[in-house]
Amino acid sequence: MKKYLKFILLFITVILISITLNVYADRTPNPPPQGGDKPPVGGGAPIGSGLVILLVLGSGYGAKKFYDYKKKKLLD
């Protein structure tokens, strides 16, 4: 059963990472016709890398909590 659970968790992790790698912020709007020399606000910053970091940290935190729960359950 552990083998299947590990495979399922690995599969879900790979799917989530591949989905978040293709997520980007919206393009900046076109400047007004009488526009100035100001650069566009925000740019086209990708947001996928931050999501990957959050997913990895969250899964690590969940794994630690699960490990502690199992350890406590075995001691009781």
C-alpha atoms as a PDB file:
ATOM      1  CA  MET A   1       0.000   0.000   0.000  1.00  0.00           C
ATOM      2  CA  LYS A   2       2.880   2.342   0.800  1.00  0.00           C
ATOM      3  CA  LYS A   3       4.280   1.797  -2.668  1.00  0.00           C
ATOM      4  CA  TYR A   4       1.031   2.929  -4.296  1.00  0.00           C
ATOM      5  CA  LEU A   5       0.670   5.903  -1.962  1.00  0.00           C
ATOM      6  CA  LYS A   6       4.194   7.088  -2.772  1.00  0.00           C
ATOM      7  CA  PHE A   7       3.519   6.679  -6.489  1.00  0.00           C
ATOM      8  CA  ILE A   8       0.258   8.636  -6.273  1.00  0.00           C
ATOM      9  CA  LEU A   9       1.872  11.450  -4.267  1.00  0.00           C
ATOM     10  CA  LEU A  10       4.773  11.627  -6.722  1.00  0.00           C
ATOM     11  CA  PHE A  11       2.358  11.727  -9.661  1.00  0.00           C
ATOM     12  CA  ILE A  12       0.279  14.517  -8.087  1.00  0.00           C
ATOM     13  CA  THR A  13       3.423  16.512  -7.283  1.00  0.00           C
ATOM     14  CA  VAL A  14       4.725  16.235 -10.845  1.00  0.00           C
ATOM     15  CA  ILE A  15       1.355  17.291 -12.262  1.00  0.00           C
ATOM     16  CA  LEU A  16       1.099  20.305  -9.943  1.00  0.00           C
ATOM     17  CA  ILE A  17       4.638  21.435 -10.714  1.00  0.00           C
ATOM     18  CA  SER A  18       4.126  21.107 -14.467  1.00  0.00           C
ATOM     19  CA  ILE A  19       0.903  23.119 -14.262  1.00  0.00           C
ATOM     20  CA  THR A  20       2.441  25.928 -12.211  1.00  0.00           C
ATOM     21  CA  LEU A  21       5.470  26.269 -14.467  1.00  0.00           C
ATOM     22  CA  ASN A  22       3.213  27.583 -17.235  1.00  0.00           C
ATOM     23  CA  VAL A  23       1.520  30.263 -15.136  1.00  0.00           C
ATOM     24  CA  TYR A  24       2.537  33.836 -15.978  1.00  0.00           C
ATOM     25  CA  ALA A  25       1.269  37.259 -15.054  1.00  0.00           C
ATOM     26  CA  ASP A  26      -0.840  39.237 -17.527  1.00  0.00           C
ATOM     27  CA  ARG A  27       0.890  41.409 -20.080  1.00  0.00           C
ATOM     28  CA  THR A  28       1.035  45.105 -19.400  1.00  0.00           C
ATOM     29  CA  PRO A  29      -1.649  47.185 -21.086  1.00  0.00           C
ATOM     30  CA  ASN A  30      -0.780  49.312 -24.097  1.00  0.00           C
ATOM     31  CA  PRO A  31       0.216  52.875 -23.255  1.00  0.00           C
ATOM     32  CA  PRO A  32      -2.324  55.618 -23.907  1.00  0.00           C
ATOM     33  CA  PRO A  33      -2.069  57.385 -27.291  1.00  0.00           C
ATOM     34  CA  GLN A  34      -0.510  60.452 -25.686  1.00  0.00           C
ATOM     35  CA  GLY A  35       1.663  58.216 -23.464  1.00  0.00           C
ATOM     36  CA  GLY A  36       4.685  59.547 -21.652  1.00  0.00           C
ATOM     37  CA  ASP A  37       8.193  58.204 -21.207  1.00  0.00           C
ATOM     38  CA  LYS A  38       7.275  56.173 -18.128  1.00  0.00           C
ATOM     39  CA  PRO A  39       8.099  52.471 -18.287  1.00  0.00           C
ATOM     40  CA  PRO A  40       5.174  50.037 -17.986  1.00  0.00           C
ATOM     41  CA  VAL A  41       4.099  49.186 -14.457  1.00  0.00           C
ATOM     42  CA  GLY A  42       4.785  45.661 -13.224  1.00  0.00           C
ATOM     43  CA  GLY A  43       6.240  44.102 -16.337  1.00  0.00           C
ATOM     44  CA  GLY A  44       5.545  40.498 -17.261  1.00  0.00           C
ATOM     45  CA  ALA A  45       6.866  38.819 -14.116  1.00  0.00           C
ATOM     46  CA  PRO A  46       6.308  35.050 -14.001  1.00  0.00           C
ATOM     47  CA  ILE A  47       4.566  33.834 -10.856  1.00  0.00           C
ATOM     48  CA  GLY A  48       5.230  30.121 -11.363  1.00  0.00           C
ATOM     49  CA  SER A  49       8.530  29.939  -9.467  1.00  0.00           C
ATOM     50  CA  GLY A  50       7.013  31.308  -6.294  1.00  0.00           C
ATOM     51  CA  LEU A  51       4.177  28.811  -6.478  1.00  0.00           C
ATOM     52  CA  VAL A  52       6.604  25.927  -6.887  1.00  0.00           C
ATOM     53  CA  ILE A  53       8.523  27.034  -3.805  1.00  0.00           C
ATOM     54  CA  LEU A  54       5.296  27.319  -1.806  1.00  0.00           C
ATOM     55  CA  LEU A  55       4.154  23.864  -2.960  1.00  0.00           C
ATOM     56  CA  VAL A  56       7.476  22.279  -2.020  1.00  0.00           C
ATOM     57  CA  LEU A  57       7.512  23.945   1.394  1.00  0.00           C
ATOM     58  CA  GLY A  58       3.873  23.019   1.998  1.00  0.00           C
ATOM     59  CA  SER A  59       4.414  19.396   1.054  1.00  0.00           C
ATOM     60  CA  GLY A  60       7.482  19.254   3.303  1.00  0.00           C
ATOM     61  CA  TYR A  61       5.486  20.702   6.190  1.00  0.00           C
ATOM     62  CA  GLY A  62       2.671  18.203   5.563  1.00  0.00           C
ATOM     63  CA  ALA A  63       5.126  15.308   5.408  1.00  0.00           C
ATOM     64  CA  LYS A  64       6.673  16.379   8.715  1.00  0.00           C
ATOM     65  CA  LYS A  65       3.248  16.644  10.354  1.00  0.00           C
ATOM     66  CA  PHE A  66       2.274  13.225   8.987  1.00  0.00           C
ATOM     67  CA  TYR A  67       5.554  11.690  10.200  1.00  0.00           C
ATOM     68  CA  ASP A  68       5.064  13.154  13.689  1.00  0.00           C
ATOM     69  CA  TYR A  69       1.461  11.902  13.775  1.00  0.00           C
ATOM     70  CA  LYS A  70       2.499   8.363  12.798  1.00  0.00           C
ATOM     71  CA  LYS A  71       5.349   8.403  15.314  1.00  0.00           C
ATOM     72  CA  LYS A  72       3.030   9.570  18.106  1.00  0.00           C
ATOM     73  CA  LYS A  73       0.423   6.972  17.138  1.00  0.00           C
ATOM     74  CA  LEU A  74       3.004   4.162  17.348  1.00  0.00           C
ATOM     75  CA  LEU A  75       4.173   5.299  20.789  1.00  0.00           C
ATOM     76  CA  ASP A  76       0.628   5.374  22.208  1.00  0.00           C
END
